[in-house]
């Protein structure tokens, strides 16, 4: 029986060893291999996206420099950013000032144009009133010539400038013009007839 117990112990040792090897395999299969696979995938992804993993690791760990130096670098970077932003703000303020000046100049120009427009409108209105008044006076003159006798109207027309006489003659009725021509000298009547035919 003593001989039988020895082989049983050796079998138990083999079983214990196989259990130890099984646990090691399980640890390897469940943790180590997936961990290595995940790291490989991360490195491939970093390569695809052009991320230098080693530089990122140095940045995160501070690359062995003391924290004070890193804080100084951060402070220096922030100061540079502040200076850059202040310069940008000053540049934008200068642009705003320039635009404000342009707006002010444009407003002044618009005001000047509005004043000029109003002046021109007033001038047009005055001219229209004057024209209306002149037209009314002219209508009254023509009406007066219509009422005058041909004997009286003929000498008056011959004393006027050709342009004024022609203007009045063209405004009179044809019967009245014919009567006036009868009372004029043949030369004057011929002259006014020629001028009227050219119009």
C-alpha atoms as a PDB file:
ATOM      1  CA  UNK A   1       0.000   0.000   0.000  1.00  0.00           C
ATOM      2  CA  UNK A   2       2.847   2.305   0.658  1.00  0.00           C
ATOM      3  CA  UNK A   3       3.895   1.923  -2.881  1.00  0.00           C
ATOM      4  CA  UNK A   4       0.436   2.895  -4.085  1.00  0.00           C
ATOM      5  CA  UNK A   5       0.404   6.193  -2.142  1.00  0.00           C
ATOM      6  CA  UNK A   6       3.505   7.528  -3.819  1.00  0.00           C
ATOM      7  CA  UNK A   7       2.148   7.450  -7.316  1.00  0.00           C
ATOM      8  CA  UNK A   8      -1.010   9.182  -6.073  1.00  0.00           C
ATOM      9  CA  UNK A   9       1.093  12.042  -4.737  1.00  0.00           C
ATOM     10  CA  UNK A  10       2.887  12.390  -8.002  1.00  0.00           C
ATOM     11  CA  UNK A  11      -0.449  12.454  -9.826  1.00  0.00           C
ATOM     12  CA  UNK A  12      -1.656  15.187  -7.448  1.00  0.00           C
ATOM     13  CA  UNK A  13       1.504  17.182  -8.104  1.00  0.00           C
ATOM     14  CA  UNK A  14       0.978  16.824 -11.854  1.00  0.00           C
ATOM     15  CA  UNK A  15      -2.669  17.922 -11.413  1.00  0.00           C
ATOM     16  CA  UNK A  16      -1.597  20.900  -9.304  1.00  0.00           C
ATOM     17  CA  UNK A  17       1.010  21.822 -11.905  1.00  0.00           C
ATOM     18  CA  UNK A  18      -1.539  21.513 -14.724  1.00  0.00           C
ATOM     19  CA  UNK A  19      -3.957  23.671 -12.708  1.00  0.00           C
ATOM     20  CA  UNK A  20      -1.226  26.280 -12.242  1.00  0.00           C
ATOM     21  CA  UNK A  21      -0.433  26.169 -15.934  1.00  0.00           C
ATOM     22  CA  UNK A  22      -4.170  26.421 -16.709  1.00  0.00           C
ATOM     23  CA  UNK A  23      -4.536  29.509 -14.520  1.00  0.00           C
ATOM     24  CA  UNK A  24      -1.521  31.049 -16.200  1.00  0.00           C
ATOM     25  CA  UNK A  25      -2.976  30.311 -19.631  1.00  0.00           C
ATOM     26  CA  UNK A  26      -6.292  31.793 -18.539  1.00  0.00           C
ATOM     27  CA  UNK A  27      -4.555  34.959 -17.322  1.00  0.00           C
ATOM     28  CA  UNK A  28      -2.595  35.144 -20.567  1.00  0.00           C
ATOM     29  CA  UNK A  29      -5.690  34.591 -22.750  1.00  0.00           C
ATOM     30  CA  UNK A  30      -8.025  36.850 -20.803  1.00  0.00           C
ATOM     31  CA  UNK A  31      -5.791  39.812 -19.884  1.00  0.00           C
ATOM     32  CA  UNK A  32      -2.367  39.901 -21.508  1.00  0.00           C
ATOM     33  CA  UNK A  33      -3.320  39.096 -25.136  1.00  0.00           C
ATOM     34  CA  UNK A  34      -6.375  41.469 -25.212  1.00  0.00           C
ATOM     35  CA  UNK A  35      -4.237  44.177 -23.595  1.00  0.00           C
ATOM     36  CA  UNK A  36      -1.509  43.758 -26.215  1.00  0.00           C
ATOM     37  CA  UNK A  37      -4.155  43.681 -28.975  1.00  0.00           C
ATOM     38  CA  UNK A  38      -5.738  46.921 -27.651  1.00  0.00           C
ATOM     39  CA  UNK A  39      -2.337  48.623 -27.486  1.00  0.00           C
ATOM     40  CA  UNK A  40      -1.604  47.520 -31.061  1.00  0.00           C
ATOM     41  CA  UNK A  41      -4.953  48.934 -32.233  1.00  0.00           C
ATOM     42  CA  UNK A  42      -4.282  52.221 -30.432  1.00  0.00           C
ATOM     43  CA  UNK A  43      -0.842  52.506 -32.045  1.00  0.00           C
ATOM     44  CA  UNK A  44      -2.313  51.774 -35.500  1.00  0.00           C
ATOM     45  CA  UNK A  45      -5.030  54.403 -34.922  1.00  0.00           C
ATOM     46  CA  UNK A  46      -2.438  56.923 -33.761  1.00  0.00           C
ATOM     47  CA  UNK A  47      -0.384  56.223 -36.908  1.00  0.00           C
ATOM     48  CA  UNK A  48      -3.460  56.732 -39.126  1.00  0.00           C
ATOM     49  CA  UNK A  49      -4.301  60.064 -37.459  1.00  0.00           C
ATOM     50  CA  UNK A  50      -0.638  61.203 -37.445  1.00  0.00           C
ATOM     51  CA  UNK A  51      -0.391  61.361 -33.670  1.00  0.00           C
ATOM     52  CA  UNK A  52       3.059  60.887 -32.207  1.00  0.00           C
ATOM     53  CA  UNK A  53       2.382  58.774 -29.145  1.00  0.00           C
ATOM     54  CA  UNK A  54       5.848  59.228 -27.703  1.00  0.00           C
ATOM     55  CA  UNK A  55       5.627  63.043 -27.835  1.00  0.00           C
ATOM     56  CA  UNK A  56       2.183  62.930 -26.244  1.00  0.00           C
ATOM     57  CA  UNK A  57       3.583  60.706 -23.500  1.00  0.00           C
ATOM     58  CA  UNK A  58       6.415  63.195 -22.931  1.00  0.00           C
ATOM     59  CA  UNK A  59       3.918  66.057 -22.723  1.00  0.00           C
ATOM     60  CA  UNK A  60       1.767  64.178 -20.220  1.00  0.00           C
ATOM     61  CA  UNK A  61       4.674  63.157 -18.039  1.00  0.00           C
ATOM     62  CA  UNK A  62       6.342  66.543 -18.286  1.00  0.00           C
ATOM     63  CA  UNK A  63       9.327  64.889 -20.032  1.00  0.00           C
ATOM     64  CA  UNK A  64      11.206  64.646 -16.777  1.00  0.00           C
ATOM     65  CA  UNK A  65      11.327  68.410 -16.180  1.00  0.00           C
ATOM     66  CA  UNK A  66      10.336  69.778 -12.811  1.00  0.00           C
ATOM     67  CA  UNK A  67       6.754  71.127 -12.544  1.00  0.00           C
ATOM     68  CA  UNK A  68       7.990  74.689 -11.963  1.00  0.00           C
ATOM     69  CA  UNK A  69       9.631  74.842 -15.392  1.00  0.00           C
ATOM     70  CA  UNK A  70       6.435  73.544 -17.011  1.00  0.00           C
ATOM     71  CA  UNK A  71       4.395  76.210 -15.198  1.00  0.00           C
ATOM     72  CA  UNK A  72       6.844  78.880 -16.378  1.00  0.00           C
ATOM     73  CA  UNK A  73       6.494  77.660 -19.960  1.00  0.00           C
ATOM     74  CA  UNK A  74       2.691  77.689 -19.635  1.00  0.00           C
ATOM     75  CA  UNK A  75       2.799  81.189 -18.176  1.00  0.00           C
ATOM     76  CA  UNK A  76       5.080  82.337 -20.997  1.00  0.00           C
ATOM     77  CA  UNK A  77       2.740  80.833 -23.603  1.00  0.00           C
ATOM     78  CA  UNK A  78      -0.243  82.498 -21.970  1.00  0.00           C
ATOM     79  CA  UNK A  79       1.558  85.842 -21.924  1.00  0.00           C
ATOM     80  CA  UNK A  80       2.361  85.477 -25.627  1.00  0.00           C
ATOM     81  CA  UNK A  81      -1.286  84.661 -26.342  1.00  0.00           C
ATOM     82  CA  UNK A  82      -2.410  87.692 -24.326  1.00  0.00           C
ATOM     83  CA  UNK A  83       0.003  89.961 -26.244  1.00  0.00           C
ATOM     84  CA  UNK A  84      -1.177  88.473 -29.541  1.00  0.00           C
ATOM     85  CA  UNK A  85      -4.822  88.945 -28.599  1.00  0.00           C
ATOM     86  CA  UNK A  86      -4.186  92.529 -27.466  1.00  0.00           C
ATOM     87  CA  UNK A  87      -2.495  93.296 -30.801  1.00  0.00           C
ATOM     88  CA  UNK A  88      -5.458  91.745 -32.621  1.00  0.00           C
ATOM     89  CA  UNK A  89      -7.886  93.810 -30.525  1.00  0.00           C
ATOM     90  CA  UNK A  90      -5.943  97.012 -31.286  1.00  0.00           C
ATOM     91  CA  UNK A  91      -5.954  96.172 -35.000  1.00  0.00           C
ATOM     92  CA  UNK A  92      -9.722  95.581 -34.945  1.00  0.00           C
ATOM     93  CA  UNK A  93     -10.284  98.808 -32.980  1.00  0.00           C
ATOM     94  CA  UNK A  94      -8.263 100.687 -35.629  1.00  0.00           C
ATOM     95  CA  UNK A  95     -10.445  99.135 -38.341  1.00  0.00           C
ATOM     96  CA  UNK A  96     -13.575 100.102 -36.391  1.00  0.00           C
ATOM     97  CA  UNK A  97     -12.306 103.693 -36.039  1.00  0.00           C
ATOM     98  CA  UNK A  98     -11.558 103.822 -39.767  1.00  0.00           C
ATOM     99  CA  UNK A  99     -15.021 102.497 -40.612  1.00  0.00           C
ATOM    100  CA  UNK A 100     -16.610 104.991 -38.203  1.00  0.00           C
ATOM    101  CA  UNK A 101     -14.777 107.847 -39.946  1.00  0.00           C
ATOM    102  CA  UNK A 102     -15.982 106.537 -43.316  1.00  0.00           C
ATOM    103  CA  UNK A 103     -19.549 106.340 -41.988  1.00  0.00           C
ATOM    104  CA  UNK A 104     -19.322 109.900 -40.625  1.00  0.00           C
ATOM    105  CA  UNK A 105     -17.941 111.176 -43.947  1.00  0.00           C
ATOM    106  CA  UNK A 106     -20.653 109.317 -45.811  1.00  0.00           C
ATOM    107  CA  UNK A 107     -23.305 110.836 -43.536  1.00  0.00           C
ATOM    108  CA  UNK A 108     -21.891 114.335 -44.151  1.00  0.00           C
ATOM    109  CA  UNK A 109     -21.834 113.700 -47.900  1.00  0.00           C
ATOM    110  CA  UNK A 110     -25.432 112.460 -47.760  1.00  0.00           C
ATOM    111  CA  UNK A 111     -26.469 115.567 -45.823  1.00  0.00           C
ATOM    112  CA  UNK A 112     -24.760 117.798 -48.386  1.00  0.00           C
ATOM    113  CA  UNK A 113     -26.462 115.910 -51.214  1.00  0.00           C
ATOM    114  CA  UNK A 114     -29.832 116.232 -49.508  1.00  0.00           C
ATOM    115  CA  UNK A 115     -29.326 119.992 -49.085  1.00  0.00           C
ATOM    116  CA  UNK A 116     -28.319 120.278 -52.762  1.00  0.00           C
ATOM    117  CA  UNK A 117     -31.328 118.190 -53.791  1.00  0.00           C
ATOM    118  CA  UNK A 118     -33.669 120.410 -51.776  1.00  0.00           C
ATOM    119  CA  UNK A 119     -32.089 123.528 -53.322  1.00  0.00           C
ATOM    120  CA  UNK A 120     -32.566 122.110 -56.815  1.00  0.00           C
ATOM    121  CA  UNK A 121     -36.177 121.148 -56.038  1.00  0.00           C
ATOM    122  CA  UNK A 122     -36.841 124.704 -54.788  1.00  0.00           C
ATOM    123  CA  UNK A 123     -35.218 126.102 -57.928  1.00  0.00           C
ATOM    124  CA  UNK A 124     -37.321 123.818 -60.154  1.00  0.00           C
ATOM    125  CA  UNK A 125     -40.455 124.860 -58.293  1.00  0.00           C
ATOM    126  CA  UNK A 126     -39.551 128.550 -58.752  1.00  0.00           C
ATOM    127  CA  UNK A 127     -38.885 127.995 -62.457  1.00  0.00           C
ATOM    128  CA  UNK A 128     -42.185 126.152 -62.834  1.00  0.00           C
ATOM    129  CA  UNK A 129     -44.019 129.029 -61.133  1.00  0.00           C
ATOM    130  CA  UNK A 130     -42.181 131.504 -63.340  1.00  0.00           C
ATOM    131  CA  UNK A 131     -42.956 129.423 -66.433  1.00  0.00           C
ATOM    132  CA  UNK A 132     -46.579 129.168 -65.403  1.00  0.00           C
ATOM    133  CA  UNK A 133     -46.683 132.920 -64.875  1.00  0.00           C
ATOM    134  CA  UNK A 134     -44.960 133.553 -68.223  1.00  0.00           C
ATOM    135  CA  UNK A 135     -47.332 131.115 -69.932  1.00  0.00           C
ATOM    136  CA  UNK A 136     -50.296 132.909 -68.414  1.00  0.00           C
ATOM    137  CA  UNK A 137     -48.915 136.297 -69.538  1.00  0.00           C
ATOM    138  CA  UNK A 138     -48.260 134.927 -73.012  1.00  0.00           C
ATOM    139  CA  UNK A 139     -51.809 133.521 -73.183  1.00  0.00           C
ATOM    140  CA  UNK A 140     -53.117 136.947 -72.216  1.00  0.00           C
ATOM    141  CA  UNK A 141     -50.978 138.599 -74.931  1.00  0.00           C
ATOM    142  CA  UNK A 142     -52.260 136.163 -77.552  1.00  0.00           C
ATOM    143  CA  UNK A 143     -55.816 136.763 -76.350  1.00  0.00           C
ATOM    144  CA  UNK A 144     -55.236 140.515 -76.629  1.00  0.00           C
ATOM    145  CA  UNK A 145     -53.983 140.127 -80.212  1.00  0.00           C
ATOM    146  CA  UNK A 146     -57.051 138.015 -80.997  1.00  0.00           C
ATOM    147  CA  UNK A 147     -59.260 140.861 -79.776  1.00  0.00           C
ATOM    148  CA  UNK A 148     -57.293 143.626 -81.560  1.00  0.00           C
ATOM    149  CA  UNK A 149     -58.230 144.702 -85.036  1.00  0.00           C
ATOM    150  CA  UNK A 150     -55.916 143.518 -87.838  1.00  0.00           C
ATOM    151  CA  UNK A 151     -55.154 147.150 -88.711  1.00  0.00           C
ATOM    152  CA  UNK A 152     -53.830 147.776 -85.151  1.00  0.00           C
ATOM    153  CA  UNK A 153     -52.085 144.391 -84.705  1.00  0.00           C
ATOM    154  CA  UNK A 154     -50.067 144.475 -87.962  1.00  0.00           C
ATOM    155  CA  UNK A 155     -47.869 147.514 -87.134  1.00  0.00           C
ATOM    156  CA  UNK A 156     -47.277 146.233 -83.572  1.00  0.00           C
ATOM    157  CA  UNK A 157     -46.050 142.835 -84.838  1.00  0.00           C
ATOM    158  CA  UNK A 158     -43.703 144.431 -87.380  1.00  0.00           C
ATOM    159  CA  UNK A 159     -42.097 146.505 -84.603  1.00  0.00           C
ATOM    160  CA  UNK A 160     -41.410 143.353 -82.484  1.00  0.00           C
ATOM    161  CA  UNK A 161     -38.422 141.021 -82.890  1.00  0.00           C
ATOM    162  CA  UNK A 162     -38.903 138.313 -85.496  1.00  0.00           C
ATOM    163  CA  UNK A 163     -38.865 135.563 -82.846  1.00  0.00           C
ATOM    164  CA  UNK A 164     -41.560 137.217 -80.690  1.00  0.00           C
ATOM    165  CA  UNK A 165     -43.720 138.133 -83.695  1.00  0.00           C
ATOM    166  CA  UNK A 166     -43.403 134.579 -85.040  1.00  0.00           C
ATOM    167  CA  UNK A 167     -44.313 133.112 -81.661  1.00  0.00           C
ATOM    168  CA  UNK A 168     -47.476 135.231 -81.444  1.00  0.00           C
ATOM    169  CA  UNK A 169     -48.456 134.615 -85.075  1.00  0.00           C
ATOM    170  CA  UNK A 170     -48.162 130.830 -84.656  1.00  0.00           C
ATOM    171  CA  UNK A 171     -50.422 130.997 -81.588  1.00  0.00           C
ATOM    172  CA  UNK A 172     -53.194 132.989 -83.333  1.00  0.00           C
ATOM    173  CA  UNK A 173     -56.061 131.469 -85.261  1.00  0.00           C
ATOM    174  CA  UNK A 174     -55.431 131.159 -89.038  1.00  0.00           C
ATOM    175  CA  UNK A 175     -58.285 133.597 -89.856  1.00  0.00           C
ATOM    176  CA  UNK A 176     -56.789 136.256 -87.579  1.00  0.00           C
ATOM    177  CA  UNK A 177     -53.304 135.737 -89.084  1.00  0.00           C
ATOM    178  CA  UNK A 178     -54.736 136.138 -92.602  1.00  0.00           C
ATOM    179  CA  UNK A 179     -56.429 139.435 -91.652  1.00  0.00           C
ATOM    180  CA  UNK A 180     -53.191 140.722 -90.069  1.00  0.00           C
ATOM    181  CA  UNK A 181     -51.159 139.797 -93.181  1.00  0.00           C
ATOM    182  CA  UNK A 182     -53.645 141.798 -95.309  1.00  0.00           C
ATOM    183  CA  UNK A 183     -52.839 144.916 -93.261  1.00  0.00           C
ATOM    184  CA  UNK A 184     -49.038 144.396 -93.423  1.00  0.00           C
ATOM    185  CA  UNK A 185     -46.750 145.457 -96.229  1.00  0.00           C
ATOM    186  CA  UNK A 186     -46.206 142.699 -98.816  1.00  0.00           C
ATOM    187  CA  UNK A 187     -42.528 142.375 -97.772  1.00  0.00           C
ATOM    188  CA  UNK A 188     -43.380 141.926 -94.055  1.00  0.00           C
ATOM    189  CA  UNK A 189     -46.180 139.474 -94.825  1.00  0.00           C
ATOM    190  CA  UNK A 190     -43.825 137.446 -97.086  1.00  0.00           C
ATOM    191  CA  UNK A 191     -41.098 137.419 -94.426  1.00  0.00           C
ATOM    192  CA  UNK A 192     -43.462 136.160 -91.665  1.00  0.00           C
ATOM    193  CA  UNK A 193     -45.025 133.602 -93.978  1.00  0.00           C
ATOM    194  CA  UNK A 194     -41.582 132.218 -94.834  1.00  0.00           C
ATOM    195  CA  UNK A 195     -40.615 132.086 -91.156  1.00  0.00           C
ATOM    196  CA  UNK A 196     -43.869 130.310 -90.259  1.00  0.00           C
ATOM    197  CA  UNK A 197     -43.379 127.736 -93.024  1.00  0.00           C
ATOM    198  CA  UNK A 198     -39.911 126.844 -91.647  1.00  0.00           C
ATOM    199  CA  UNK A 199     -41.375 125.885 -88.277  1.00  0.00           C
END
